[in-house]
C-alpha cells in the first residue's frame, strides 16, 4: 500500500469545487483530476506507478472534517495555542476503563503529538 499526502487548505481551488460545502459531480471530477496530476508527478520518480494502482481515492479537507471532526478539515485540527492545554480532555475519563488519546487529548499538534499521546495513554493504562 502506498499513500501520497499533499496537504492543502480548505480554500484550495475554490473550496475543491464545492457549492457551500456541498460536494457534487464537479467536486468528484476535480478530485479525480487532481489525483491524476499528483500520480503523474510522482510517476516521474516511480516509473509505472499508475499501472499498479488498484484503488485511487483523494481526500480533501472536507473528508478530514467529516471523519475526524477537525476544524475546517485541518490536518492538525484547530490552531494550537498554549491555552488549549487546559481546554483539551484528559487521558483518563470519569467512565471506568475509557481512555482518550491522540492530538485532541494530548498537548501539541500533528503526528508526533498523536504518537506521544498514545505512549502516554499506554503508560496510564499499564503502569498503575
C-alpha atoms as a PDB file:
ATOM      1  CA  UNK A   1       0.000   0.000   0.000  1.00  0.00           C
ATOM      2  CA  UNK A   2       1.260   3.458  -0.853  1.00  0.00           C
ATOM      3  CA  UNK A   3      -0.155   6.709   0.377  1.00  0.00           C
ATOM      4  CA  UNK A   4       0.602  10.084  -1.142  1.00  0.00           C
ATOM      5  CA  UNK A   5      -0.001  13.025   1.186  1.00  0.00           C
ATOM      6  CA  UNK A   6      -0.158  16.572  -0.086  1.00  0.00           C
ATOM      7  CA  UNK A   7      -1.692  18.944   2.489  1.00  0.00           C
ATOM      8  CA  UNK A   8      -3.698  21.900   1.196  1.00  0.00           C
ATOM      9  CA  UNK A   9      -6.083  24.469   2.605  1.00  0.00           C
ATOM     10  CA  UNK A  10      -9.851  24.163   2.556  1.00  0.00           C
ATOM     11  CA  UNK A  11      -9.799  27.225   0.291  1.00  0.00           C
ATOM     12  CA  UNK A  12      -7.714  25.474  -2.386  1.00  0.00           C
ATOM     13  CA  UNK A  13      -9.133  25.854  -5.898  1.00  0.00           C
ATOM     14  CA  UNK A  14     -12.444  27.404  -4.917  1.00  0.00           C
ATOM     15  CA  UNK A  15     -13.000  25.041  -1.988  1.00  0.00           C
ATOM     16  CA  UNK A  16     -12.451  21.958  -4.137  1.00  0.00           C
ATOM     17  CA  UNK A  17     -15.247  22.968  -6.491  1.00  0.00           C
ATOM     18  CA  UNK A  18     -17.955  22.737  -3.876  1.00  0.00           C
ATOM     19  CA  UNK A  19     -21.019  24.913  -3.576  1.00  0.00           C
ATOM     20  CA  UNK A  20     -21.381  25.998   0.056  1.00  0.00           C
ATOM     21  CA  UNK A  21     -19.637  22.798   1.120  1.00  0.00           C
ATOM     22  CA  UNK A  22     -21.908  20.535  -0.963  1.00  0.00           C
ATOM     23  CA  UNK A  23     -19.893  18.017  -2.943  1.00  0.00           C
ATOM     24  CA  UNK A  24     -21.394  17.085  -6.309  1.00  0.00           C
ATOM     25  CA  UNK A  25     -20.240  15.828  -9.705  1.00  0.00           C
ATOM     26  CA  UNK A  26     -17.940  18.820 -10.275  1.00  0.00           C
ATOM     27  CA  UNK A  27     -16.215  18.141  -6.935  1.00  0.00           C
ATOM     28  CA  UNK A  28     -15.739  14.439  -7.753  1.00  0.00           C
ATOM     29  CA  UNK A  29     -14.359  15.263 -11.216  1.00  0.00           C
ATOM     30  CA  UNK A  30     -11.943  17.787  -9.703  1.00  0.00           C
ATOM     31  CA  UNK A  31     -10.739  15.237  -7.136  1.00  0.00           C
ATOM     32  CA  UNK A  32     -10.130  12.676  -9.882  1.00  0.00           C
ATOM     33  CA  UNK A  33      -8.252  15.243 -11.979  1.00  0.00           C
ATOM     34  CA  UNK A  34      -6.121  16.345  -9.017  1.00  0.00           C
ATOM     35  CA  UNK A  35      -5.318  12.733  -8.076  1.00  0.00           C
ATOM     36  CA  UNK A  36      -4.193  12.043 -11.651  1.00  0.00           C
ATOM     37  CA  UNK A  37      -1.963  15.136 -11.647  1.00  0.00           C
ATOM     38  CA  UNK A  38      -0.325  14.071  -8.374  1.00  0.00           C
ATOM     39  CA  UNK A  39       0.174  10.487  -9.561  1.00  0.00           C
ATOM     40  CA  UNK A  40       1.740  11.749 -12.806  1.00  0.00           C
ATOM     41  CA  UNK A  41       4.178  13.895 -10.823  1.00  0.00           C
ATOM     42  CA  UNK A  42       5.153  11.011  -8.546  1.00  0.00           C
ATOM     43  CA  UNK A  43       5.451   8.668 -11.520  1.00  0.00           C
ATOM     44  CA  UNK A  44       8.460  10.695 -12.691  1.00  0.00           C
ATOM     45  CA  UNK A  45      10.247   9.247  -9.636  1.00  0.00           C
ATOM     46  CA  UNK A  46       8.450   5.888  -9.563  1.00  0.00           C
ATOM     47  CA  UNK A  47       8.008   4.742 -13.181  1.00  0.00           C
ATOM     48  CA  UNK A  48       4.967   2.519 -13.764  1.00  0.00           C
ATOM     49  CA  UNK A  49       3.216   3.648 -10.593  1.00  0.00           C
ATOM     50  CA  UNK A  50      -0.114   4.360 -12.282  1.00  0.00           C
ATOM     51  CA  UNK A  51      -0.254   0.827 -13.715  1.00  0.00           C
ATOM     52  CA  UNK A  52      -0.020  -0.684 -10.242  1.00  0.00           C
ATOM     53  CA  UNK A  53      -2.778   1.383  -8.618  1.00  0.00           C
ATOM     54  CA  UNK A  54      -5.832  -0.718  -7.807  1.00  0.00           C
ATOM     55  CA  UNK A  55      -7.808   1.872  -5.846  1.00  0.00           C
ATOM     56  CA  UNK A  56      -7.435   5.627  -6.029  1.00  0.00           C
ATOM     57  CA  UNK A  57      -9.080   7.951  -3.524  1.00  0.00           C
ATOM     58  CA  UNK A  58      -8.251  11.574  -2.886  1.00  0.00           C
ATOM     59  CA  UNK A  59      -9.239  13.024   0.472  1.00  0.00           C
ATOM     60  CA  UNK A  60      -9.834  16.731   0.879  1.00  0.00           C
ATOM     61  CA  UNK A  61     -10.159  18.868   3.988  1.00  0.00           C
ATOM     62  CA  UNK A  62     -13.893  18.126   3.739  1.00  0.00           C
ATOM     63  CA  UNK A  63     -13.042  14.431   4.139  1.00  0.00           C
ATOM     64  CA  UNK A  64     -10.886  15.087   7.218  1.00  0.00           C
ATOM     65  CA  UNK A  65     -13.598  17.245   8.724  1.00  0.00           C
ATOM     66  CA  UNK A  66     -16.267  14.626   8.126  1.00  0.00           C
ATOM     67  CA  UNK A  67     -14.291  11.705   9.553  1.00  0.00           C
ATOM     68  CA  UNK A  68     -12.388  13.408  12.373  1.00  0.00           C
ATOM     69  CA  UNK A  69     -14.412  16.494  13.251  1.00  0.00           C
ATOM     70  CA  UNK A  70     -11.293  18.587  12.593  1.00  0.00           C
ATOM     71  CA  UNK A  71     -11.928  22.312  12.386  1.00  0.00           C
ATOM     72  CA  UNK A  72     -12.276  23.256   8.703  1.00  0.00           C
ATOM     73  CA  UNK A  73     -10.712  19.903   7.839  1.00  0.00           C
ATOM     74  CA  UNK A  74      -7.280  20.892   9.152  1.00  0.00           C
ATOM     75  CA  UNK A  75      -4.798  18.035   9.499  1.00  0.00           C
ATOM     76  CA  UNK A  76      -3.742  19.298  12.881  1.00  0.00           C
ATOM     77  CA  UNK A  77      -7.302  20.212  13.839  1.00  0.00           C
ATOM     78  CA  UNK A  78      -7.566  23.747  15.109  1.00  0.00           C
ATOM     79  CA  UNK A  79      -4.846  26.321  15.572  1.00  0.00           C
ATOM     80  CA  UNK A  80      -2.854  25.263  18.607  1.00  0.00           C
ATOM     81  CA  UNK A  81      -2.078  27.632  21.456  1.00  0.00           C
ATOM     82  CA  UNK A  82      -0.760  27.023  24.955  1.00  0.00           C
ATOM     83  CA  UNK A  83      -4.183  27.961  26.361  1.00  0.00           C
ATOM     84  CA  UNK A  84      -5.681  24.884  24.691  1.00  0.00           C
ATOM     85  CA  UNK A  85      -3.733  22.666  27.083  1.00  0.00           C
ATOM     86  CA  UNK A  86      -6.411  23.434  29.619  1.00  0.00           C
ATOM     87  CA  UNK A  87      -9.297  23.034  27.161  1.00  0.00           C
ATOM     88  CA  UNK A  88      -8.435  19.545  25.959  1.00  0.00           C
ATOM     89  CA  UNK A  89      -9.810  16.424  27.604  1.00  0.00           C
ATOM     90  CA  UNK A  90      -7.529  14.362  29.809  1.00  0.00           C
ATOM     91  CA  UNK A  91      -6.385  10.815  29.102  1.00  0.00           C
ATOM     92  CA  UNK A  92      -8.479   9.390  31.953  1.00  0.00           C
ATOM     93  CA  UNK A  93     -12.213   9.912  31.822  1.00  0.00           C
ATOM     94  CA  UNK A  94     -14.902   9.636  34.506  1.00  0.00           C
ATOM     95  CA  UNK A  95     -16.010   6.406  32.774  1.00  0.00           C
ATOM     96  CA  UNK A  96     -14.145   3.386  34.122  1.00  0.00           C
ATOM     97  CA  UNK A  97     -11.663   1.901  31.595  1.00  0.00           C
ATOM     98  CA  UNK A  98     -12.337   4.603  28.988  1.00  0.00           C
ATOM     99  CA  UNK A  99      -9.163   6.419  27.984  1.00  0.00           C
ATOM    100  CA  UNK A 100      -8.556   9.056  25.319  1.00  0.00           C
ATOM    101  CA  UNK A 101      -5.535   9.545  23.110  1.00  0.00           C
ATOM    102  CA  UNK A 102      -4.426  11.441  20.029  1.00  0.00           C
ATOM    103  CA  UNK A 103      -3.906  15.102  19.305  1.00  0.00           C
ATOM    104  CA  UNK A 104      -7.189  16.133  20.873  1.00  0.00           C
ATOM    105  CA  UNK A 105      -6.323  14.541  24.220  1.00  0.00           C
ATOM    106  CA  UNK A 106      -2.635  15.405  24.364  1.00  0.00           C
ATOM    107  CA  UNK A 107      -0.867  18.754  24.178  1.00  0.00           C
ATOM    108  CA  UNK A 108       0.576  19.553  20.784  1.00  0.00           C
ATOM    109  CA  UNK A 109      -0.481  19.022  17.211  1.00  0.00           C
ATOM    110  CA  UNK A 110       0.108  16.572  14.413  1.00  0.00           C
ATOM    111  CA  UNK A 111       1.567  13.095  14.139  1.00  0.00           C
ATOM    112  CA  UNK A 112       4.259  13.472  16.802  1.00  0.00           C
ATOM    113  CA  UNK A 113       1.705  14.638  19.326  1.00  0.00           C
ATOM    114  CA  UNK A 114      -0.669  11.810  18.421  1.00  0.00           C
ATOM    115  CA  UNK A 115       2.143   9.285  18.905  1.00  0.00           C
ATOM    116  CA  UNK A 116       3.153  10.827  22.222  1.00  0.00           C
ATOM    117  CA  UNK A 117      -0.482  10.760  23.267  1.00  0.00           C
ATOM    118  CA  UNK A 118      -0.613   7.040  22.507  1.00  0.00           C
ATOM    119  CA  UNK A 119       2.524   6.435  24.564  1.00  0.00           C
ATOM    120  CA  UNK A 120       1.163   8.417  27.495  1.00  0.00           C
ATOM    121  CA  UNK A 121      -2.203   6.656  27.314  1.00  0.00           C
ATOM    122  CA  UNK A 122      -0.453   3.261  27.239  1.00  0.00           C
ATOM    123  CA  UNK A 123       1.607   4.197  30.297  1.00  0.00           C
ATOM    124  CA  UNK A 124      -1.528   5.354  32.106  1.00  0.00           C
ATOM    125  CA  UNK A 125      -3.196   2.001  31.453  1.00  0.00           C
ATOM    126  CA  UNK A 126      -0.195  -0.289  32.001  1.00  0.00           C
ATOM    127  CA  UNK A 127       1.612   1.432  34.877  1.00  0.00           C
ATOM    128  CA  UNK A 128      -0.601   1.823  37.957  1.00  0.00           C
END
